[in-house]
């Protein structure tokens, strides 16, 4: 007697597509939210350190803010392994010492409300720079 696999409703209804066609990256998601909310211009894959040639996922150059989307947090990706974690820490430290603010986001923080908060924050930073310290 030959083995015949049983198909469930899930098997029948869900098309089988290659992974790259089904996944929208977190970086793409935040960019879509950013643009739909009218956020200020971001540079993608921004090289912030000329000597080491490090890049950030996004940069708001006017406020010297880098936005990094941390991927692979549940699959023991590069950011979670000791060597990758240490390399990221070095990168973020150098960015901060060079005057950059670094916002690190996980996929769970990439939501419309959080994107709105980041946009407001960056716009406020721009206003604060031109008008003096906050609250004065």
Protein backbone atom coordinates (compact mmCIF):
# COMPACT_ATOMS: atom_id res chain seq x y z
CA UNK A 1 0.00 0.00 0.00
CA UNK A 2 1.48 3.37 -1.05
CA UNK A 3 1.71 6.28 1.36
CA UNK A 4 -0.61 9.14 0.43
CA UNK A 5 -0.06 12.38 2.37
CA UNK A 6 -3.15 14.01 3.81
CA UNK A 7 -3.72 17.60 2.77
CA UNK A 8 -5.07 20.02 5.29
CA UNK A 9 -7.02 23.16 4.49
CA UNK A 10 -3.84 25.13 5.11
CA UNK A 11 -1.92 23.03 2.57
CA UNK A 12 -4.56 23.50 -0.11
CA UNK A 13 -5.22 27.23 0.38
CA UNK A 14 -1.67 28.50 0.78
CA UNK A 15 0.35 28.90 -2.40
CA UNK A 16 3.92 27.73 -2.15
CA UNK A 17 6.21 30.59 -3.08
CA UNK A 18 9.94 31.04 -2.71
CA UNK A 19 10.84 32.75 0.58
CA UNK A 20 12.05 35.99 -1.02
CA UNK A 21 8.65 36.49 -2.66
CA UNK A 22 6.68 36.07 0.56
CA UNK A 23 8.80 38.04 2.99
CA UNK A 24 8.76 41.81 3.29
CA UNK A 25 11.80 42.89 5.22
CA UNK A 26 11.50 45.05 8.30
CA UNK A 27 13.59 47.71 6.57
CA UNK A 28 11.09 47.87 3.72
CA UNK A 29 8.21 48.03 6.18
CA UNK A 30 9.59 50.99 8.11
CA UNK A 31 10.37 52.78 4.85
CA UNK A 32 6.78 52.30 3.65
CA UNK A 33 5.42 53.59 6.96
CA UNK A 34 7.91 56.47 6.90
CA UNK A 35 6.92 57.60 3.42
CA UNK A 36 3.19 57.20 4.02
CA UNK A 37 3.46 59.33 7.19
CA UNK A 38 5.38 62.07 5.38
CA UNK A 39 8.62 61.55 7.34
CA UNK A 40 11.70 63.62 6.51
CA UNK A 41 14.18 62.37 3.94
CA UNK A 42 16.21 59.29 4.89
CA UNK A 43 19.35 58.03 3.21
CA UNK A 44 19.43 54.25 2.72
CA UNK A 45 22.59 52.22 3.33
CA UNK A 46 24.29 55.37 4.55
CA UNK A 47 28.08 55.18 4.94
CA UNK A 48 28.80 57.04 8.17
CA UNK A 49 32.41 55.99 8.75
CA UNK A 50 34.79 56.48 5.86
CA UNK A 51 37.72 54.57 7.33
CA UNK A 52 35.80 51.41 8.28
CA UNK A 53 33.18 51.86 5.54
CA UNK A 54 30.40 51.01 7.97
CA UNK A 55 26.87 51.62 6.78
CA UNK A 56 23.62 52.18 8.62
CA UNK A 57 20.29 50.92 7.29
CA UNK A 58 18.94 54.50 7.28
CA UNK A 59 20.22 57.94 8.20
CA UNK A 60 18.52 61.24 8.85
CA UNK A 61 21.57 63.35 8.08
CA UNK A 62 20.18 66.69 9.30
CA UNK A 63 19.81 65.40 12.88
CA UNK A 64 22.80 63.01 12.64
CA UNK A 65 20.53 60.06 13.47
CA UNK A 66 21.18 56.53 12.27
CA UNK A 67 18.38 53.95 12.22
CA UNK A 68 19.41 50.31 12.39
CA UNK A 69 16.91 47.48 11.90
CA UNK A 70 18.17 44.45 13.81
CA UNK A 71 17.17 41.26 12.05
CA UNK A 72 17.52 37.60 12.89
CA UNK A 73 16.91 38.00 16.61
CA UNK A 74 15.13 34.64 16.91
CA UNK A 75 17.17 32.60 14.49
CA UNK A 76 20.62 33.10 16.00
CA UNK A 77 21.45 35.52 13.22
CA UNK A 78 24.62 37.55 12.99
CA UNK A 79 23.50 40.11 15.57
CA UNK A 80 23.06 37.44 18.27
CA UNK A 81 26.33 35.56 17.94
CA UNK A 82 29.21 36.76 20.12
CA UNK A 83 31.43 37.96 17.27
CA UNK A 84 28.56 39.72 15.45
CA UNK A 85 27.27 41.28 18.65
CA UNK A 86 30.75 42.61 19.48
CA UNK A 87 31.18 43.98 15.95
CA UNK A 88 27.81 45.76 16.17
CA UNK A 89 28.77 47.24 19.56
CA UNK A 90 32.00 48.58 18.06
CA UNK A 91 30.10 50.06 15.10
CA UNK A 92 27.52 51.79 17.31
CA UNK A 93 30.19 53.09 19.70
CA UNK A 94 32.17 54.61 16.83
CA UNK A 95 28.99 56.17 15.44
CA UNK A 96 28.19 57.74 18.82
CA UNK A 97 31.76 58.99 19.31
CA UNK A 98 31.51 60.62 15.89
CA UNK A 99 28.36 62.48 16.95
CA UNK A 100 25.67 60.19 15.57
CA UNK A 101 22.57 59.16 17.52
CA UNK A 102 21.78 55.48 16.88
CA UNK A 103 18.22 54.13 17.04
CA UNK A 104 18.16 50.33 17.04
CA UNK A 105 14.85 48.69 16.17
CA UNK A 106 13.63 45.12 16.15
CA UNK A 107 10.86 43.94 13.87
CA UNK A 108 8.39 44.28 16.76
CA UNK A 109 9.13 47.99 17.11
CA UNK A 110 8.43 48.69 13.45
CA UNK A 111 4.83 49.80 13.78
CA UNK A 112 2.95 52.86 12.58
CA UNK A 113 2.74 54.40 16.09
CA UNK A 114 6.48 53.89 16.73
CA UNK A 115 7.38 55.23 13.29
CA UNK A 116 5.25 58.31 14.02
CA UNK A 117 7.08 58.80 17.33
CA UNK A 118 10.47 58.58 15.64
CA UNK A 119 9.42 61.07 12.96
CA UNK A 120 8.16 63.52 15.62
CA UNK A 121 11.37 63.06 17.58
CA UNK A 122 13.56 63.81 14.55
CA UNK A 123 11.48 66.83 13.60
CA UNK A 124 11.71 68.05 17.21
CA UNK A 125 15.49 67.57 17.19
CA UNK A 126 15.70 69.75 14.07
CA UNK A 127 13.56 72.44 15.71
CA UNK A 128 15.58 72.28 18.95
CA UNK A 129 18.86 72.72 17.05
CA UNK A 130 17.60 75.87 15.38
CA UNK A 131 15.73 77.32 18.39
CA UNK A 132 18.02 76.40 21.28
CA UNK A 133 17.58 73.84 24.07
CA UNK A 134 14.20 72.24 24.68
CA UNK A 135 11.98 74.07 27.14
CA UNK A 136 13.60 77.49 26.78
